[in-house]
Amino acid sequence: MSDNRTAKKEAGSEETALMPPVDVIEDASGITLYADMPGVPKEKLQLHVEGDALTIEGDIDLEMPAGMEASHAEVSLPRYRRVFTLSKELDSTKVAAEFSQGVLKLAIPKAEHAQPRRVEIKIL
C-alpha cells in the first residue's frame, strides 16, 4: 500500500484538504489502518474503494458556541482527505470499517492467493 499525496480535483478545480495522520499495521492476515479524524461526524465520513485506490474523506464539523469567537484556530481547512494505493495482495472487496471517537479503523484482509498456507508433505 502506498500513499498518494495529491489534492483532489473536482470539476477542473483543486480542493485542498488536511491529511489525517494514519497508522498502518500489517500481519499475516492483512493490514489494519487507523486514521485520526477529529471533528468529523460519522454522517460526513466517506470511504471509497475504486480499483486499487482507497480514498478516505471527511468534512470537519466543529461549531463555535453561540456568542463565542475563536481567538486562535489551528485547523484552517474544513475537511480531511487521503488516498492510498492498495497492493494486489489485499482483497479490497472485503474492507471492514469502524468509526469511534474520531478514529477510523479499516481492516483489509490479504487476498486468498497471498495468505500464508501450510503444505502437507506426503511420505512415499
Protein backbone atom coordinates (compact mmCIF):
# COMPACT_ATOMS: atom_id res chain seq x y z
CA MET A 1 0.00 0.00 0.00
CA SER A 2 1.34 3.40 -0.87
CA ASP A 3 0.19 6.91 -0.02
CA ASN A 4 -0.81 9.30 -2.81
CA ARG A 5 -0.44 12.86 -1.55
CA THR A 6 -2.29 14.68 -4.29
CA ALA A 7 -5.03 17.27 -3.99
CA LYS A 8 -8.49 16.24 -5.13
CA LYS A 9 -9.60 17.65 -8.47
CA GLU A 10 -13.31 18.19 -8.97
CA ALA A 11 -14.82 19.91 -11.99
CA GLY A 12 -11.42 21.25 -13.02
CA SER A 13 -10.58 22.89 -9.69
CA GLU A 14 -8.28 21.72 -6.90
CA GLU A 15 -9.65 21.25 -3.43
CA THR A 16 -7.12 21.27 -0.62
CA ALA A 17 -7.66 19.21 2.49
CA LEU A 18 -5.88 18.15 5.65
CA MET A 19 -4.18 14.76 5.55
CA PRO A 20 -5.27 12.76 8.57
CA PRO A 21 -2.44 11.04 10.44
CA VAL A 22 -2.57 7.30 9.74
CA ASP A 23 -1.04 4.23 11.38
CA VAL A 24 -0.84 1.04 9.28
CA ILE A 25 -0.24 -2.31 10.95
CA GLU A 26 0.41 -5.41 8.86
CA ASP A 27 0.22 -9.02 9.96
CA ALA A 28 -0.11 -12.38 8.20
CA SER A 29 -3.85 -11.92 7.62
CA GLY A 30 -3.77 -8.37 6.16
CA ILE A 31 -3.50 -4.75 7.25
CA THR A 32 -5.27 -2.60 9.81
CA LEU A 33 -5.32 1.13 9.19
CA TYR A 34 -6.12 3.73 11.88
CA ALA A 35 -6.88 7.28 10.68
CA ASP A 36 -7.30 10.12 13.20
CA MET A 37 -10.12 12.37 12.03
CA PRO A 38 -11.25 14.51 14.99
CA GLY A 39 -14.24 16.74 14.40
CA VAL A 40 -15.73 14.53 11.68
CA PRO A 41 -19.19 13.11 12.43
CA LYS A 42 -19.99 9.63 11.03
CA GLU A 43 -22.52 11.03 8.55
CA LYS A 44 -19.82 13.26 6.98
CA LEU A 45 -17.25 10.46 6.57
CA GLN A 46 -16.80 8.79 3.18
CA LEU A 47 -14.75 5.75 2.25
CA HIS A 48 -14.29 4.78 -1.40
CA VAL A 49 -12.51 1.81 -2.95
CA GLU A 50 -12.16 2.01 -6.71
CA GLY A 51 -9.79 -0.36 -8.44
CA ASP A 52 -6.63 -0.28 -6.34
CA ALA A 53 -7.33 3.19 -4.86
CA LEU A 54 -8.63 3.63 -1.30
CA THR A 55 -9.90 7.15 -0.56
CA ILE A 56 -10.77 8.43 2.91
CA GLU A 57 -12.65 11.75 3.12
CA GLY A 58 -14.43 13.57 5.91
CA ASP A 59 -15.88 17.01 6.49
CA ILE A 60 -14.96 18.64 9.79
CA ASP A 61 -17.97 19.82 11.77
CA LEU A 62 -16.69 21.95 14.66
CA GLU A 63 -19.27 24.53 15.60
CA MET A 64 -18.42 27.50 17.78
CA PRO A 65 -20.86 28.04 20.66
CA ALA A 66 -23.23 30.99 20.15
CA GLY A 67 -21.69 34.32 21.13
CA MET A 68 -18.12 32.97 21.13
CA GLU A 69 -15.34 33.63 18.66
CA ALA A 70 -12.05 31.77 18.27
CA SER A 71 -9.00 33.86 19.14
CA HIS A 72 -6.70 31.20 17.65
CA ALA A 73 -7.53 28.30 15.29
CA GLU A 74 -5.01 25.74 14.10
CA VAL A 75 -7.44 23.86 11.87
CA SER A 76 -7.83 26.09 8.84
CA LEU A 77 -9.20 23.61 6.29
CA PRO A 78 -12.73 22.18 6.60
CA ARG A 79 -12.00 18.62 5.51
CA TYR A 80 -9.71 15.60 5.59
CA ARG A 81 -8.68 13.60 2.52
CA ARG A 82 -6.15 10.86 1.95
CA VAL A 83 -5.68 8.41 -0.91
CA PHE A 84 -3.81 5.11 -0.76
CA THR A 85 -2.88 2.65 -3.49
CA LEU A 86 -3.70 -0.88 -2.36
CA SER A 87 -1.35 -3.75 -3.06
CA LYS A 88 -2.61 -6.61 -5.27
CA GLU A 89 -2.07 -8.84 -2.21
CA LEU A 90 -5.02 -7.16 -0.45
CA ASP A 91 -8.68 -8.07 -1.03
CA SER A 92 -10.33 -4.66 -1.49
CA THR A 93 -13.80 -6.28 -1.72
CA LYS A 94 -13.63 -7.27 1.96
CA VAL A 95 -12.74 -3.95 3.63
CA ALA A 96 -14.32 -3.64 7.10
CA ALA A 97 -14.68 -0.18 8.66
CA GLU A 98 -15.38 1.06 12.19
CA PHE A 99 -15.54 4.68 13.38
CA SER A 100 -15.39 5.64 17.04
CA GLN A 101 -14.48 8.92 18.78
CA GLY A 102 -12.81 10.43 15.72
CA VAL A 103 -10.75 7.35 14.81
CA LEU A 104 -11.47 5.38 11.63
CA LYS A 105 -10.33 1.75 11.75
CA LEU A 106 -10.11 -0.19 8.50
CA ALA A 107 -9.32 -3.89 8.28
CA ILE A 108 -8.25 -5.07 4.84
CA PRO A 109 -7.53 -8.80 4.58
CA LYS A 110 -4.96 -10.32 2.27
CA ALA A 111 -6.33 -11.99 -0.84
CA GLU A 112 -6.62 -15.76 -0.65
CA HIS A 113 -3.67 -16.27 -3.03
CA ALA A 114 -1.45 -14.11 -0.75
CA GLN A 115 -2.41 -15.82 2.53
CA PRO A 116 0.26 -17.98 4.11
CA ARG A 117 -0.66 -21.62 3.84
CA ARG A 118 0.67 -24.88 5.08
CA VAL A 119 1.71 -27.54 2.58
CA GLU A 120 1.21 -31.15 3.57
CA ILE A 121 4.18 -33.42 3.00
CA LYS A 122 3.38 -36.94 1.79
CA ILE A 123 5.63 -39.79 2.74
CA LEU A 124 6.16 -42.24 -0.11
